[in-house]
């Protein structure tokens, strides 16, 4: 199948594009942070807006010729607000991480305490990693999941919030497969007199589809990415209560970034329109169903699923029963044509670079036609691939998986 674009005029880059197209077609993509953009999104990304520099805001740009760009951004912003019922929306953030940085800049000063889910328990690097702005510029505090059920310990959240009085209380995760108790978190944030930020990078698509509760009525600010569950471009969005509009607007621009990517904003507008359709809701339902079915299938085959299941499109699986690390499992699966991420488990004894688990997501595969009927075959292939170093076995599994890669 061709890559679907014309020649760039650069043979070396054309070859790389074709190789990536082939890889995506013949490897089964089970990354929780990726899906397949729609043709409309790709058309918007390749539109005339890719050349427009529109630093500033609609009606107040630094550059001329922004009349059409202003209208575009207004359309995208209105669609984001309407989709989630938010008082304020900002579609300029270049990524989910940039959106999180802007929220920190709007409400906290360097050195202020920020309370979030521990990274080893599923939190994101922008929630307090020492290698990231959130851990280097601020004072990170972390709550955990409970050892018995691996669900967020809300008693611990309340205790830490009341003792340390963080400036921000962050809910959300990158490797936690459950939803959050937003009314309870709002209650805790009010008691501790802090801003409640919900990083809904992996949850907002489920919210838009009506499958999970919305954080918008409860949070001060919600951030999310448009490229994980949403079938959109790589980019970020900030939603907030209207009272926070001025602080957040200035934090995104000029504090965090300069000119926005107008072609990405065009693609976001398409994404928000698509997210209001039954086709999108059906795709998200199917992704969540596939994730639960795969979690059950792997459990039946002797692997442990963290927290006992999933509410979303992602599942975290303990592979230590196979006598290997998450990193080794990721490598073996990739050689067999199955693309996953290694993962650190709650209370993991392995180093972060190795981990004892894998993080599996179903959005991209669902977009390409994955159905529950083939998941037992997929689970068998995953177990077989993770259980051997035999390259010929991996090649055989890869040939089989190519038939499941759907298109």
Protein backbone atom coordinates (compact mmCIF):
# COMPACT_ATOMS: atom_id res chain seq x y z
CA UNK A 1 0.00 0.00 0.00
CA UNK A 2 1.50 3.39 -0.91
CA UNK A 3 2.16 5.94 1.78
CA UNK A 4 -0.67 8.11 0.48
CA UNK A 5 1.41 11.23 -0.27
CA UNK A 6 3.21 12.49 -3.30
CA UNK A 7 6.96 12.60 -3.73
CA UNK A 8 8.86 15.16 -1.65
CA UNK A 9 11.46 15.46 -4.39
CA UNK A 10 14.05 14.15 -1.93
CA UNK A 11 14.69 10.46 -2.65
CA UNK A 12 16.27 9.79 0.75
CA UNK A 13 13.31 11.22 2.64
CA UNK A 14 10.81 9.58 0.26
CA UNK A 15 12.42 6.24 1.08
CA UNK A 16 12.18 6.87 4.82
CA UNK A 17 8.53 7.88 4.52
CA UNK A 18 7.78 4.74 2.56
CA UNK A 19 9.61 2.59 5.12
CA UNK A 20 7.60 4.12 7.97
CA UNK A 21 4.39 3.58 6.02
CA UNK A 22 5.35 -0.06 5.53
CA UNK A 23 6.28 -0.44 9.20
CA UNK A 24 2.94 0.90 10.33
CA UNK A 25 1.14 -1.34 7.88
CA UNK A 26 2.93 -4.58 8.75
CA UNK A 27 3.64 -4.16 12.49
CA UNK A 28 0.67 -4.24 14.88
CA UNK A 29 0.72 -0.86 16.66
CA UNK A 30 -0.21 -1.37 20.33
CA UNK A 31 1.16 1.89 21.71
CA UNK A 32 -1.19 3.66 24.12
CA UNK A 33 -0.05 7.11 22.94
CA UNK A 34 -0.68 6.62 19.22
CA UNK A 35 -3.64 6.21 16.95
CA UNK A 36 -4.33 6.72 13.25
CA UNK A 37 -5.18 10.29 12.14
CA UNK A 38 -8.19 10.56 9.86
CA UNK A 39 -7.81 11.58 6.20
CA UNK A 40 -9.38 14.94 7.08
CA UNK A 41 -6.77 15.57 9.77
CA UNK A 42 -3.96 14.70 7.38
CA UNK A 43 -5.43 17.00 4.73
CA UNK A 44 -5.53 19.87 7.22
CA UNK A 45 -1.93 19.22 8.25
CA UNK A 46 -0.84 19.47 4.62
CA UNK A 47 -2.92 22.61 3.93
CA UNK A 48 -1.84 26.18 3.17
CA UNK A 49 -1.97 26.94 6.89
CA UNK A 50 1.36 25.14 7.33
CA UNK A 51 3.09 28.28 5.98
CA UNK A 52 1.24 30.85 8.10
CA UNK A 53 3.07 32.49 11.00
CA UNK A 54 0.39 33.84 13.33
CA UNK A 55 2.13 34.68 16.59
CA UNK A 56 -0.30 36.21 19.02
CA UNK A 57 -4.06 35.81 19.37
CA UNK A 58 -7.03 36.35 17.07
CA UNK A 59 -7.40 40.10 16.58
CA UNK A 60 -3.99 40.76 18.12
CA UNK A 61 -1.24 39.20 16.00
CA UNK A 62 2.37 40.24 15.56
CA UNK A 63 2.22 39.55 11.82
CA UNK A 64 0.01 40.69 8.98
CA UNK A 65 -2.23 38.56 6.81
CA UNK A 66 -3.86 36.73 9.74
CA UNK A 67 -7.50 37.39 8.94
CA UNK A 68 -8.21 33.81 7.87
CA UNK A 69 -5.98 32.37 10.59
CA UNK A 70 -7.95 34.34 13.17
CA UNK A 71 -11.20 32.83 11.94
CA UNK A 72 -9.68 29.35 11.94
CA UNK A 73 -8.47 29.62 15.54
CA UNK A 74 -11.84 30.98 16.66
CA UNK A 75 -13.57 27.99 15.03
CA UNK A 76 -11.19 25.49 16.66
CA UNK A 77 -11.52 27.15 20.06
CA UNK A 78 -15.32 27.23 19.91
CA UNK A 79 -15.44 23.56 18.89
CA UNK A 80 -13.21 22.57 21.83
CA UNK A 81 -15.31 24.57 24.28
CA UNK A 82 -18.56 23.14 22.94
CA UNK A 83 -17.30 19.55 22.87
CA UNK A 84 -16.51 19.60 26.58
CA UNK A 85 -18.76 22.36 27.90
CA UNK A 86 -15.74 24.37 29.07
CA UNK A 87 -15.71 28.08 29.88
CA UNK A 88 -12.30 28.59 28.24
CA UNK A 89 -10.26 26.69 25.67
CA UNK A 90 -6.80 27.27 24.23
CA UNK A 91 -5.84 25.31 21.11
CA UNK A 92 -2.37 26.81 20.66
CA UNK A 93 -0.24 24.47 22.87
CA UNK A 94 2.17 22.54 20.68
CA UNK A 95 1.90 19.41 22.85
CA UNK A 96 0.33 18.04 26.00
CA UNK A 97 3.61 18.67 27.83
CA UNK A 98 3.63 22.31 26.68
CA UNK A 99 0.06 22.64 27.93
CA UNK A 100 1.10 21.30 31.34
CA UNK A 101 4.05 23.71 31.46
CA UNK A 102 1.69 26.61 30.74
CA UNK A 103 -0.58 25.59 33.62
CA UNK A 104 2.37 25.48 36.01
CA UNK A 105 3.47 28.89 34.75
CA UNK A 106 -0.01 30.34 35.23
CA UNK A 107 -0.56 29.21 38.81
CA UNK A 108 2.78 28.40 40.48
CA UNK A 109 6.16 29.96 41.12
CA UNK A 110 9.51 28.12 41.02
CA UNK A 111 9.91 26.11 44.18
CA UNK A 112 6.18 25.78 44.87
CA UNK A 113 4.98 22.29 45.85
CA UNK A 114 3.00 20.31 43.28
CA UNK A 115 1.22 17.07 44.21
CA UNK A 116 0.75 14.37 41.54
CA UNK A 117 0.68 10.62 41.01
CA UNK A 118 4.11 9.02 41.44
CA UNK A 119 5.77 8.31 38.11
CA UNK A 120 6.49 4.68 39.00
CA UNK A 121 2.78 4.25 39.73
CA UNK A 122 1.66 5.57 36.35
CA UNK A 123 2.28 9.34 36.46
CA UNK A 124 3.69 11.34 33.56
CA UNK A 125 7.11 12.98 33.40
CA UNK A 126 5.44 16.42 33.56
CA UNK A 127 4.05 15.40 36.95
CA UNK A 128 7.34 15.71 38.80
CA UNK A 129 10.19 13.95 37.00
CA UNK A 130 13.56 15.34 38.07
CA UNK A 131 14.57 15.32 34.40
CA UNK A 132 11.60 17.57 33.51
CA UNK A 133 10.65 21.17 34.28
CA UNK A 134 8.04 19.90 36.75
CA UNK A 135 10.67 18.28 38.94
CA UNK A 136 13.51 20.76 38.43
CA UNK A 137 11.65 24.06 38.79
CA UNK A 138 9.00 22.99 41.29
CA UNK A 139 8.94 20.89 44.47
CA UNK A 140 7.29 17.59 43.51
CA UNK A 141 5.21 15.60 45.98
CA UNK A 142 3.68 12.28 45.04
CA UNK A 143 0.73 10.17 46.04
CA UNK A 144 0.58 6.47 45.15
CA UNK A 145 -1.73 3.61 44.36
CA UNK A 146 -2.70 1.19 47.11
CA UNK A 147 -0.67 -2.04 47.29
CA UNK A 148 -3.74 -4.27 47.54
CA UNK A 149 -5.71 -3.14 44.49
CA UNK A 150 -3.32 -0.75 42.69
CA UNK A 151 -5.93 2.01 42.60
CA UNK A 152 -5.23 5.62 43.60
CA UNK A 153 -5.07 6.04 47.38
CA UNK A 154 -7.35 9.05 47.85
CA UNK A 155 -6.85 9.03 51.62
CA UNK A 156 -3.16 9.57 50.97
CA UNK A 157 -3.97 12.31 48.43
CA UNK A 158 -5.99 14.18 51.05
CA UNK A 159 -3.37 13.72 53.78
CA UNK A 160 -0.51 14.98 51.60
CA UNK A 161 -2.56 17.87 50.26
CA UNK A 162 -3.56 19.07 53.72
CA UNK A 163 -0.07 18.70 55.17
CA UNK A 164 1.91 20.26 52.30
CA UNK A 165 -0.67 22.66 50.80
CA UNK A 166 0.51 22.23 47.18
CA UNK A 167 -0.09 25.00 44.67
CA UNK A 168 -1.31 22.42 42.15
CA UNK A 169 -3.03 19.08 42.71
CA UNK A 170 -2.57 17.01 39.54
CA UNK A 171 -4.77 14.09 38.51
CA UNK A 172 -4.05 12.05 35.43
CA UNK A 173 -1.46 9.56 34.28
CA UNK A 174 0.37 7.96 31.41
CA UNK A 175 0.37 4.33 32.62
CA UNK A 176 -2.70 4.08 34.87
CA UNK A 177 -5.66 2.38 33.22
CA UNK A 178 -8.45 3.70 35.43
CA UNK A 179 -10.54 6.84 35.62
CA UNK A 180 -10.30 9.29 38.55
CA UNK A 181 -12.77 10.38 41.22
CA UNK A 182 -13.13 14.03 40.16
CA UNK A 183 -15.74 15.12 42.74
CA UNK A 184 -13.53 13.80 45.54
CA UNK A 185 -10.45 15.47 44.08
CA UNK A 186 -12.38 18.75 43.85
CA UNK A 187 -13.28 18.39 47.51
CA UNK A 188 -9.64 17.79 48.43
CA UNK A 189 -8.44 20.72 46.31
CA UNK A 190 -10.94 23.01 48.03
CA UNK A 191 -9.84 21.83 51.47
CA UNK A 192 -6.17 22.41 50.59
CA UNK A 193 -6.93 25.64 48.71
CA UNK A 194 -5.06 24.60 45.57
CA UNK A 195 -5.65 24.47 41.83
CA UNK A 196 -6.96 21.16 40.53
CA UNK A 197 -5.30 20.24 37.22
CA UNK A 198 -6.55 17.15 35.41
CA UNK A 199 -4.12 15.88 32.78
CA UNK A 200 -6.62 14.00 30.62
CA UNK A 201 -4.20 13.05 27.86
CA UNK A 202 -5.44 9.45 27.83
CA UNK A 203 -8.95 10.18 29.08
CA UNK A 204 -10.36 13.13 27.11
CA UNK A 205 -11.26 11.04 24.07
CA UNK A 206 -13.27 8.69 26.27
CA UNK A 207 -14.98 11.70 27.85
CA UNK A 208 -15.88 13.14 24.44
CA UNK A 209 -17.33 9.77 23.44
CA UNK A 210 -19.46 9.66 26.61
CA UNK A 211 -17.69 6.61 28.05
CA UNK A 212 -16.04 8.19 31.09
CA UNK A 213 -17.07 10.99 33.48
CA UNK A 214 -15.92 14.46 32.52
CA UNK A 215 -13.37 16.25 34.68
CA UNK A 216 -14.39 19.65 33.26
CA UNK A 217 -17.17 20.46 35.78
CA UNK A 218 -14.83 19.71 38.69
CA UNK A 219 -11.33 20.82 37.66
CA UNK A 220 -9.91 24.31 37.49
CA UNK A 221 -7.92 23.27 34.41
CA UNK A 222 -7.93 20.25 32.10
CA UNK A 223 -5.17 19.52 29.60
CA UNK A 224 -5.11 16.85 26.94
CA UNK A 225 -3.39 15.68 23.77
CA UNK A 226 -5.10 15.31 20.41
CA UNK A 227 -3.05 12.32 19.23
CA UNK A 228 -3.66 9.51 21.75
CA UNK A 229 -7.35 8.60 21.67
CA UNK A 230 -8.48 11.48 19.45
CA UNK A 231 -7.63 10.70 15.84
CA UNK A 232 -5.96 14.07 15.48
CA UNK A 233 -2.57 15.73 15.07
CA UNK A 234 0.18 15.79 17.65
CA UNK A 235 -0.75 18.74 19.84
CA UNK A 236 -2.13 19.95 23.15
CA UNK A 237 -5.23 21.74 24.44
CA UNK A 238 -6.05 23.61 27.65
CA UNK A 239 -9.61 23.78 28.99
CA UNK A 240 -10.45 25.82 32.07
CA UNK A 241 -12.98 27.79 34.02
CA UNK A 242 -13.56 31.17 32.43
CA UNK A 243 -12.10 32.95 35.47
CA UNK A 244 -8.66 31.51 34.63
CA UNK A 245 -8.66 32.61 30.98
CA UNK A 246 -6.34 35.58 31.30
CA UNK A 247 -3.65 33.80 33.32
CA UNK A 248 -3.64 30.77 31.04
CA UNK A 249 -3.71 32.77 27.81
CA UNK A 250 -0.59 34.70 28.85
CA UNK A 251 1.11 31.54 30.09
CA UNK A 252 0.72 29.76 26.74
CA UNK A 253 1.81 32.85 24.79
CA UNK A 254 4.16 34.58 25.22
CA UNK A 255 5.55 32.75 28.27
CA UNK A 256 5.81 29.16 26.97
CA UNK A 257 5.80 29.44 23.20
CA UNK A 258 5.78 31.83 20.25
CA UNK A 259 3.75 31.36 17.09
CA UNK A 260 1.30 28.46 16.99
CA UNK A 261 1.24 25.84 14.25
CA UNK A 262 -1.81 26.97 12.32
CA UNK A 263 -1.99 23.81 10.22
CA UNK A 264 -2.12 21.82 13.45
CA UNK A 265 -4.89 24.08 14.74
CA UNK A 266 -6.78 23.40 11.50
CA UNK A 267 -6.35 19.68 12.13
CA UNK A 268 -7.50 20.11 15.74
CA UNK A 269 -10.67 21.82 14.48
CA UNK A 270 -11.34 18.82 12.25
CA UNK A 271 -10.63 16.51 15.19
CA UNK A 272 -13.14 18.25 17.47
CA UNK A 273 -15.79 18.12 14.76
CA UNK A 274 -15.18 14.41 14.23
CA UNK A 275 -15.24 13.76 18.00
CA UNK A 276 -18.89 14.79 18.14
CA UNK A 277 -19.96 12.04 15.73
CA UNK A 278 -21.28 8.56 16.39
CA UNK A 279 -18.44 7.17 14.27
CA UNK A 280 -15.93 8.51 16.78
CA UNK A 281 -17.93 7.28 19.77
CA UNK A 282 -18.13 3.83 18.19
CA UNK A 283 -14.37 3.74 17.60
CA UNK A 284 -13.66 4.68 21.24
CA UNK A 285 -16.14 2.07 22.51
CA UNK A 286 -14.47 -0.55 20.33
CA UNK A 287 -11.01 0.50 21.54
CA UNK A 288 -12.06 0.17 25.18
CA UNK A 289 -13.76 -3.17 24.49
CA UNK A 290 -10.65 -4.46 22.73
CA UNK A 291 -8.49 -3.34 25.68
CA UNK A 292 -10.68 -5.20 28.17
CA UNK A 293 -10.80 -8.27 25.95
CA UNK A 294 -7.02 -8.30 25.56
CA UNK A 295 -6.52 -7.79 29.31
CA UNK A 296 -8.79 -10.75 30.00
CA UNK A 297 -7.03 -12.90 27.39
CA UNK A 298 -3.58 -12.16 28.82
CA UNK A 299 -4.87 -12.88 32.33
CA UNK A 300 -6.24 -16.23 31.17
CA UNK A 301 -2.77 -17.01 29.83
CA UNK A 302 -1.09 -16.47 33.19
CA UNK A 303 -0.06 -12.80 33.12
CA UNK A 304 -1.15 -10.27 35.74
CA UNK A 305 -2.90 -7.08 34.66
CA UNK A 306 -2.20 -4.12 36.95
CA UNK A 307 -5.31 -3.06 38.94
CA UNK A 308 -7.10 -6.11 37.58
CA UNK A 309 -8.32 -4.50 34.37
CA UNK A 310 -8.88 -1.25 32.52
CA UNK A 311 -11.45 1.52 32.10
CA UNK A 312 -9.74 2.88 29.01
CA UNK A 313 -7.82 1.92 25.88
CA UNK A 314 -4.63 1.09 27.75
CA UNK A 315 -3.57 -1.83 29.89
CA UNK A 316 -0.46 -2.32 32.00
CA UNK A 317 0.67 -5.95 32.13
CA UNK A 318 3.15 -7.59 34.51
CA UNK A 319 5.45 -9.87 32.49
CA UNK A 320 7.68 -10.99 35.36
CA UNK A 321 6.00 -14.43 35.37
CA UNK A 322 7.85 -15.05 32.09
CA UNK A 323 11.19 -14.39 33.80
CA UNK A 324 11.92 -11.29 31.72
CA UNK A 325 11.90 -7.52 32.17
CA UNK A 326 9.52 -5.14 30.47
CA UNK A 327 12.36 -3.90 28.29
CA UNK A 328 13.13 -7.44 27.12
CA UNK A 329 9.43 -8.08 26.48
CA UNK A 330 9.20 -4.90 24.41
CA UNK A 331 12.22 -5.93 22.33
CA UNK A 332 10.95 -9.47 21.70
CA UNK A 333 7.48 -8.27 20.77
CA UNK A 334 8.87 -5.68 18.39
CA UNK A 335 10.95 -8.31 16.62
CA UNK A 336 7.70 -10.26 16.21
CA UNK A 337 5.89 -7.26 14.71
CA UNK A 338 4.00 -6.17 17.86
CA UNK A 339 4.84 -2.67 19.07
CA UNK A 340 4.35 -1.92 22.80
CA UNK A 341 6.09 0.13 25.49
CA UNK A 342 7.98 -1.20 28.47
CA UNK A 343 6.46 -0.08 31.77
CA UNK A 344 7.44 0.27 35.40
CA UNK A 345 4.93 -1.30 37.75
CA UNK A 346 3.79 0.07 41.10
CA UNK A 347 6.30 -1.02 43.76
CA UNK A 348 8.52 -2.43 40.98
CA UNK A 349 11.88 -3.83 42.11
CA UNK A 350 13.44 -3.46 38.67
CA UNK A 351 15.09 -0.17 37.62
CA UNK A 352 13.08 2.31 35.55
CA UNK A 353 15.18 1.48 32.48
CA UNK A 354 14.00 -2.13 32.64
CA UNK A 355 10.63 -2.27 34.39
CA UNK A 356 8.62 -5.43 34.97
CA UNK A 357 5.72 -4.66 32.67
CA UNK A 358 4.49 -3.53 29.30
CA UNK A 359 1.95 -0.83 28.47
CA UNK A 360 -0.45 -1.87 25.73
CA UNK A 361 -2.92 0.38 23.90
CA UNK A 362 -5.61 -0.50 21.38
CA UNK A 363 -6.54 2.76 19.62
CA UNK A 364 -4.30 2.49 16.56
CA UNK A 365 -5.04 -1.20 16.05
CA UNK A 366 -8.77 -0.58 16.44
CA UNK A 367 -8.58 2.17 13.84
CA UNK A 368 -7.05 -0.38 11.48
CA UNK A 369 -9.75 -2.97 12.13
CA UNK A 370 -8.75 -4.98 15.23
CA UNK A 371 -11.76 -6.87 16.58
CA UNK A 372 -12.37 -9.02 19.68
CA UNK A 373 -12.61 -12.11 17.47
CA UNK A 374 -8.86 -12.08 16.73
CA UNK A 375 -7.68 -11.07 20.19
CA UNK A 376 -7.20 -14.67 21.44
CA UNK A 377 -4.87 -15.21 18.47
CA UNK A 378 -3.09 -11.95 19.29
CA UNK A 379 -2.70 -12.92 22.96
CA UNK A 380 -1.25 -16.29 21.94
CA UNK A 381 1.20 -14.54 19.61
CA UNK A 382 2.26 -12.10 22.33
CA UNK A 383 2.93 -14.90 24.80
CA UNK A 384 4.83 -16.90 22.20
CA UNK A 385 6.95 -13.89 21.21
CA UNK A 386 7.78 -12.92 24.79
CA UNK A 387 8.72 -16.49 25.67
CA UNK A 388 11.58 -16.94 23.21
CA UNK A 389 14.74 -15.36 21.83
CA UNK A 390 14.47 -17.47 18.66
CA UNK A 391 14.63 -15.07 15.71
CA UNK A 392 13.01 -17.56 13.34
CA UNK A 393 10.05 -17.86 15.74
CA UNK A 394 9.77 -14.07 15.86
CA UNK A 395 9.83 -13.91 12.06
CA UNK A 396 7.07 -16.51 11.85
CA UNK A 397 4.94 -14.62 14.39
CA UNK A 398 5.57 -11.40 12.48
CA UNK A 399 4.21 -12.93 9.29
CA UNK A 400 1.10 -13.98 11.18
CA UNK A 401 0.75 -10.59 12.81
CA UNK A 402 0.93 -8.85 9.45
CA UNK A 403 -2.42 -10.45 8.67
CA UNK A 404 -3.84 -8.95 11.89
CA UNK A 405 -2.42 -5.50 11.19
CA UNK A 406 -5.50 -4.87 9.07
CA UNK A 407 -4.68 -2.90 6.00
